[in-house]
Structure formats: C-alpha cells, structure tokens
Amino acid sequence: MSRKNRVWLFCFTILLLETNSIYAQNLDIQLLLKINLNRNKGMDPTFRTISNSVAPVVIVTPLTMYGMGMANNDSEAKREAIVAGATILTSVILSNAIKYSVNRTRPFDRYPDVEQAMPVHSPSFPSGHTSQSFA
C-alpha cells in the first residue's frame, strides 16, 4: 500500500471513530435519560443502601479472608488476602487519580433532565464503584 493510501486510510479511520464516538455519546445519554426518568423512585433508598455498602464490603472482604487464613493457619489464604487488599487499594488510587485528572462533569450537572438520585461531589469518570467491584 502506498504512503498516500495509508494517509487516506488513517484519516478515514479517525473520521469514522470520531463520528461513532459522537453517536455513542448520544446513545449513552438517551439510555441514561430513559433509565433515570422512568425509574421506580420507591427503590431509591434500597439502591442508596447498596451504593453506600461498597466501601465497607471492599474493606471487610480482604480482612475476613486474612482472618480465615490466620484461623486455619493457611499461609496461601493469607497471601491471597494480601493480594486482594493490594488490588483493591491500587484500584481505588488509580480510579481516583484518573477521575480527578479527567474531571468529567456528572450527568445531572450537565443535563437538566437527569435527576440527581443521591448527593455526589466527585467527578463522574471513571466509576469508583465499578472499579472497586471489578477489583
């Protein structure tokens, strides 16, 4: 393939990716609006409780794993608990570093139709809940 053709292919690819990202963002917001505006508001307290349980679960899980390893005198279980704790800690540090570097506005601040279901004061991206759950 000639240099000129590669340049055209590169430009076409960038244009295609850019067009798709705009379309994907619109789909993202449309889906968010459908979920947010048609949600069962009676479930808000339940989801608030689930959301607030993430930090305690993330802290207690490796500690429980380590305690079980100590109780059973299992050095492998203790090592796995330390790895799990380190993974979660790394996830929290990295996601917060990215979150405040990117500084993406929360949808309820950017789009007036999106209702704020619970008070949040940090930037939107990446999701701390998602990264902690994945870790």
C-alpha atoms as a PDB file:
ATOM      1  CA  MET A   1       0.000   0.000   0.000  1.00  0.00           C
ATOM      2  CA  SER A   2       1.402   3.380  -0.950  1.00  0.00           C
ATOM      3  CA  ARG A   3       2.097   6.132   1.568  1.00  0.00           C
ATOM      4  CA  LYS A   4      -0.707   8.251   0.116  1.00  0.00           C
ATOM      5  CA  ASN A   5      -3.220   5.404   0.520  1.00  0.00           C
ATOM      6  CA  ARG A   6      -2.099   4.818   4.109  1.00  0.00           C
ATOM      7  CA  VAL A   7      -2.603   8.511   4.915  1.00  0.00           C
ATOM      8  CA  TRP A   8      -6.116   8.411   3.403  1.00  0.00           C
ATOM      9  CA  LEU A   9      -6.916   5.210   5.294  1.00  0.00           C
ATOM     10  CA  PHE A  10      -5.663   6.760   8.529  1.00  0.00           C
ATOM     11  CA  CYS A  11      -7.742   9.927   8.001  1.00  0.00           C
ATOM     12  CA  PHE A  12     -10.817   7.859   7.142  1.00  0.00           C
ATOM     13  CA  THR A  13     -10.340   5.713  10.266  1.00  0.00           C
ATOM     14  CA  ILE A  14     -10.023   8.789  12.511  1.00  0.00           C
ATOM     15  CA  LEU A  15     -13.139  10.325  10.941  1.00  0.00           C
ATOM     16  CA  LEU A  16     -15.060   7.072  11.388  1.00  0.00           C
ATOM     17  CA  LEU A  17     -14.000   6.730  15.034  1.00  0.00           C
ATOM     18  CA  GLU A  18     -14.865  10.352  15.760  1.00  0.00           C
ATOM     19  CA  THR A  19     -18.316  10.016  14.173  1.00  0.00           C
ATOM     20  CA  ASN A  20     -19.015   6.820  16.114  1.00  0.00           C
ATOM     21  CA  SER A  21     -17.928   8.365  19.414  1.00  0.00           C
ATOM     22  CA  ILE A  22     -20.403  11.227  18.954  1.00  0.00           C
ATOM     23  CA  TYR A  23     -23.176   8.747  18.117  1.00  0.00           C
ATOM     24  CA  ALA A  24     -22.199   6.513  21.055  1.00  0.00           C
ATOM     25  CA  GLN A  25     -22.343   9.501  23.435  1.00  0.00           C
ATOM     26  CA  ASN A  26     -25.854  10.303  22.234  1.00  0.00           C
ATOM     27  CA  LEU A  27     -26.918   6.681  22.784  1.00  0.00           C
ATOM     28  CA  ASP A  28     -25.326   6.801  26.236  1.00  0.00           C
ATOM     29  CA  ILE A  29     -27.281   9.908  27.238  1.00  0.00           C
ATOM     30  CA  GLN A  30     -30.547   8.642  25.732  1.00  0.00           C
ATOM     31  CA  LEU A  31     -30.234   5.397  27.696  1.00  0.00           C
ATOM     32  CA  LEU A  32     -29.382   7.291  30.880  1.00  0.00           C
ATOM     33  CA  LEU A  33     -32.430   9.516  30.469  1.00  0.00           C
ATOM     34  CA  LYS A  34     -34.734   6.515  29.914  1.00  0.00           C
ATOM     35  CA  ILE A  35     -33.397   4.746  32.991  1.00  0.00           C
ATOM     36  CA  ASN A  36     -33.270   7.845  35.175  1.00  0.00           C
ATOM     37  CA  LEU A  37     -36.625   9.376  34.318  1.00  0.00           C
ATOM     38  CA  ASN A  38     -38.564   6.076  34.319  1.00  0.00           C
ATOM     39  CA  ARG A  39     -37.016   4.561  37.431  1.00  0.00           C
ATOM     40  CA  ASN A  40     -39.036   3.275  40.374  1.00  0.00           C
ATOM     41  CA  LYS A  41     -38.287   6.074  42.855  1.00  0.00           C
ATOM     42  CA  GLY A  42     -39.549   3.865  45.667  1.00  0.00           C
ATOM     43  CA  MET A  43     -36.402   1.789  45.151  1.00  0.00           C
ATOM     44  CA  ASP A  44     -34.076   4.803  45.591  1.00  0.00           C
ATOM     45  CA  PRO A  45     -33.447   4.079  49.321  1.00  0.00           C
ATOM     46  CA  THR A  46     -32.584   0.456  48.518  1.00  0.00           C
ATOM     47  CA  PHE A  47     -30.138   1.443  45.786  1.00  0.00           C
ATOM     48  CA  ARG A  48     -28.686   4.171  48.030  1.00  0.00           C
ATOM     49  CA  THR A  49     -28.024   1.492  50.687  1.00  0.00           C
ATOM     50  CA  ILE A  50     -26.395  -0.805  48.126  1.00  0.00           C
ATOM     51  CA  SER A  51     -24.269   2.080  46.833  1.00  0.00           C
ATOM     52  CA  ASN A  52     -23.166   3.029  50.342  1.00  0.00           C
ATOM     53  CA  SER A  53     -22.233  -0.597  51.132  1.00  0.00           C
ATOM     54  CA  VAL A  54     -19.456  -0.760  48.548  1.00  0.00           C
ATOM     55  CA  ALA A  55     -16.692   0.714  50.752  1.00  0.00           C
ATOM     56  CA  PRO A  56     -17.433  -1.463  53.808  1.00  0.00           C
ATOM     57  CA  VAL A  57     -17.609  -4.632  51.681  1.00  0.00           C
ATOM     58  CA  VAL A  58     -14.369  -3.744  49.903  1.00  0.00           C
ATOM     59  CA  ILE A  59     -12.610  -3.214  53.250  1.00  0.00           C
ATOM     60  CA  VAL A  60     -14.114  -6.189  55.111  1.00  0.00           C
ATOM     61  CA  THR A  61     -13.588  -8.793  52.368  1.00  0.00           C
ATOM     62  CA  PRO A  62      -9.747  -8.948  52.405  1.00  0.00           C
ATOM     63  CA  LEU A  63      -9.720  -8.597  56.205  1.00  0.00           C
ATOM     64  CA  THR A  64     -12.110 -11.551  56.542  1.00  0.00           C
ATOM     65  CA  MET A  65     -10.040 -13.552  54.069  1.00  0.00           C
ATOM     66  CA  TYR A  66      -6.909 -12.826  56.108  1.00  0.00           C
ATOM     67  CA  GLY A  67      -8.670 -13.686  59.375  1.00  0.00           C
ATOM     68  CA  MET A  68      -9.833 -17.014  57.955  1.00  0.00           C
ATOM     69  CA  GLY A  69      -6.280 -17.701  56.802  1.00  0.00           C
ATOM     70  CA  MET A  70      -4.975 -16.986  60.290  1.00  0.00           C
ATOM     71  CA  ALA A  71      -7.674 -19.104  61.942  1.00  0.00           C
ATOM     72  CA  ASN A  72      -6.888 -22.047  59.666  1.00  0.00           C
ATOM     73  CA  ASN A  73      -3.118 -21.436  59.746  1.00  0.00           C
ATOM     74  CA  ASP A  74      -3.266 -21.215  55.933  1.00  0.00           C
ATOM     75  CA  SER A  75      -0.429 -19.103  54.561  1.00  0.00           C
ATOM     76  CA  GLU A  76      -1.805 -19.341  50.990  1.00  0.00           C
ATOM     77  CA  ALA A  77      -5.156 -17.842  52.086  1.00  0.00           C
ATOM     78  CA  LYS A  78      -3.342 -15.038  53.908  1.00  0.00           C
ATOM     79  CA  ARG A  79      -1.264 -14.331  50.789  1.00  0.00           C
ATOM     80  CA  GLU A  80      -4.423 -14.231  48.652  1.00  0.00           C
ATOM     81  CA  ALA A  81      -5.998 -11.812  51.143  1.00  0.00           C
ATOM     82  CA  ILE A  82      -2.977  -9.515  50.888  1.00  0.00           C
ATOM     83  CA  VAL A  83      -3.137  -9.673  47.078  1.00  0.00           C
ATOM     84  CA  ALA A  84      -6.886  -8.895  47.164  1.00  0.00           C
ATOM     85  CA  GLY A  85      -6.319  -5.935  49.504  1.00  0.00           C
ATOM     86  CA  ALA A  86      -3.460  -4.598  47.380  1.00  0.00           C
ATOM     87  CA  THR A  87      -5.569  -4.975  44.232  1.00  0.00           C
ATOM     88  CA  ILE A  88      -8.455  -3.047  45.755  1.00  0.00           C
ATOM     89  CA  LEU A  89      -6.150  -0.330  47.107  1.00  0.00           C
ATOM     90  CA  THR A  90      -4.460   0.032  43.706  1.00  0.00           C
ATOM     91  CA  SER A  91      -7.870   0.238  42.030  1.00  0.00           C
ATOM     92  CA  VAL A  92      -9.038   2.982  44.390  1.00  0.00           C
ATOM     93  CA  ILE A  93      -5.852   5.020  43.938  1.00  0.00           C
ATOM     94  CA  LEU A  94      -5.797   4.686  40.132  1.00  0.00           C
ATOM     95  CA  SER A  95      -9.518   5.333  39.619  1.00  0.00           C
ATOM     96  CA  ASN A  96      -9.384   8.446  41.817  1.00  0.00           C
ATOM     97  CA  ALA A  97      -6.253   9.708  40.069  1.00  0.00           C
ATOM     98  CA  ILE A  98      -7.937   9.260  36.684  1.00  0.00           C
ATOM     99  CA  LYS A  99     -11.250  10.638  37.991  1.00  0.00           C
ATOM    100  CA  TYR A 100      -9.707  13.938  39.106  1.00  0.00           C
ATOM    101  CA  SER A 101      -7.382  14.140  36.072  1.00  0.00           C
ATOM    102  CA  VAL A 102     -10.230  13.697  33.566  1.00  0.00           C
ATOM    103  CA  ASN A 103     -12.652  15.719  35.758  1.00  0.00           C
ATOM    104  CA  ARG A 104     -15.770  14.678  33.793  1.00  0.00           C
ATOM    105  CA  THR A 105     -18.931  16.506  34.810  1.00  0.00           C
ATOM    106  CA  ARG A 106     -21.664  14.400  36.378  1.00  0.00           C
ATOM    107  CA  PRO A 107     -24.682  13.856  34.081  1.00  0.00           C
ATOM    108  CA  PHE A 108     -27.107  15.584  36.465  1.00  0.00           C
ATOM    109  CA  ASP A 109     -24.903  18.706  36.359  1.00  0.00           C
ATOM    110  CA  ARG A 110     -24.633  18.670  32.571  1.00  0.00           C
ATOM    111  CA  TYR A 111     -28.123  17.561  31.511  1.00  0.00           C
ATOM    112  CA  PRO A 112     -31.029  19.312  33.255  1.00  0.00           C
ATOM    113  CA  ASP A 113     -33.438  16.401  32.612  1.00  0.00           C
ATOM    114  CA  VAL A 114     -31.332  13.959  34.644  1.00  0.00           C
ATOM    115  CA  GLU A 115     -32.420  13.849  38.284  1.00  0.00           C
ATOM    116  CA  GLN A 116     -29.784  13.548  40.987  1.00  0.00           C
ATOM    117  CA  ALA A 117     -30.764  10.463  42.997  1.00  0.00           C
ATOM    118  CA  MET A 118     -28.183  10.928  45.751  1.00  0.00           C
ATOM    119  CA  PRO A 119     -25.617  13.551  46.727  1.00  0.00           C
ATOM    120  CA  VAL A 120     -22.272  13.073  44.972  1.00  0.00           C
ATOM    121  CA  HIS A 121     -19.443  15.581  44.892  1.00  0.00           C
ATOM    122  CA  SER A 122     -16.744  13.838  42.871  1.00  0.00           C
ATOM    123  CA  PRO A 123     -16.253  13.826  39.104  1.00  0.00           C
ATOM    124  CA  SER A 124     -18.094  11.241  37.026  1.00  0.00           C
ATOM    125  CA  PHE A 125     -15.450   9.189  35.219  1.00  0.00           C
ATOM    126  CA  PRO A 126     -14.289   6.505  35.842  1.00  0.00           C
ATOM    127  CA  SER A 127     -16.813   4.906  38.160  1.00  0.00           C
ATOM    128  CA  GLY A 128     -15.259   4.194  41.519  1.00  0.00           C
ATOM    129  CA  HIS A 129     -17.987   1.650  42.308  1.00  0.00           C
ATOM    130  CA  THR A 130     -17.278  -0.237  39.097  1.00  0.00           C
ATOM    131  CA  SER A 131     -13.505  -0.295  39.544  1.00  0.00           C
ATOM    132  CA  GLN A 132     -13.786  -1.407  43.179  1.00  0.00           C
ATOM    133  CA  SER A 133     -16.290  -4.121  42.291  1.00  0.00           C
ATOM    134  CA  PHE A 134     -14.079  -5.338  39.469  1.00  0.00           C
ATOM    135  CA  ALA A 135     -11.013  -5.402  41.732  1.00  0.00           C
END
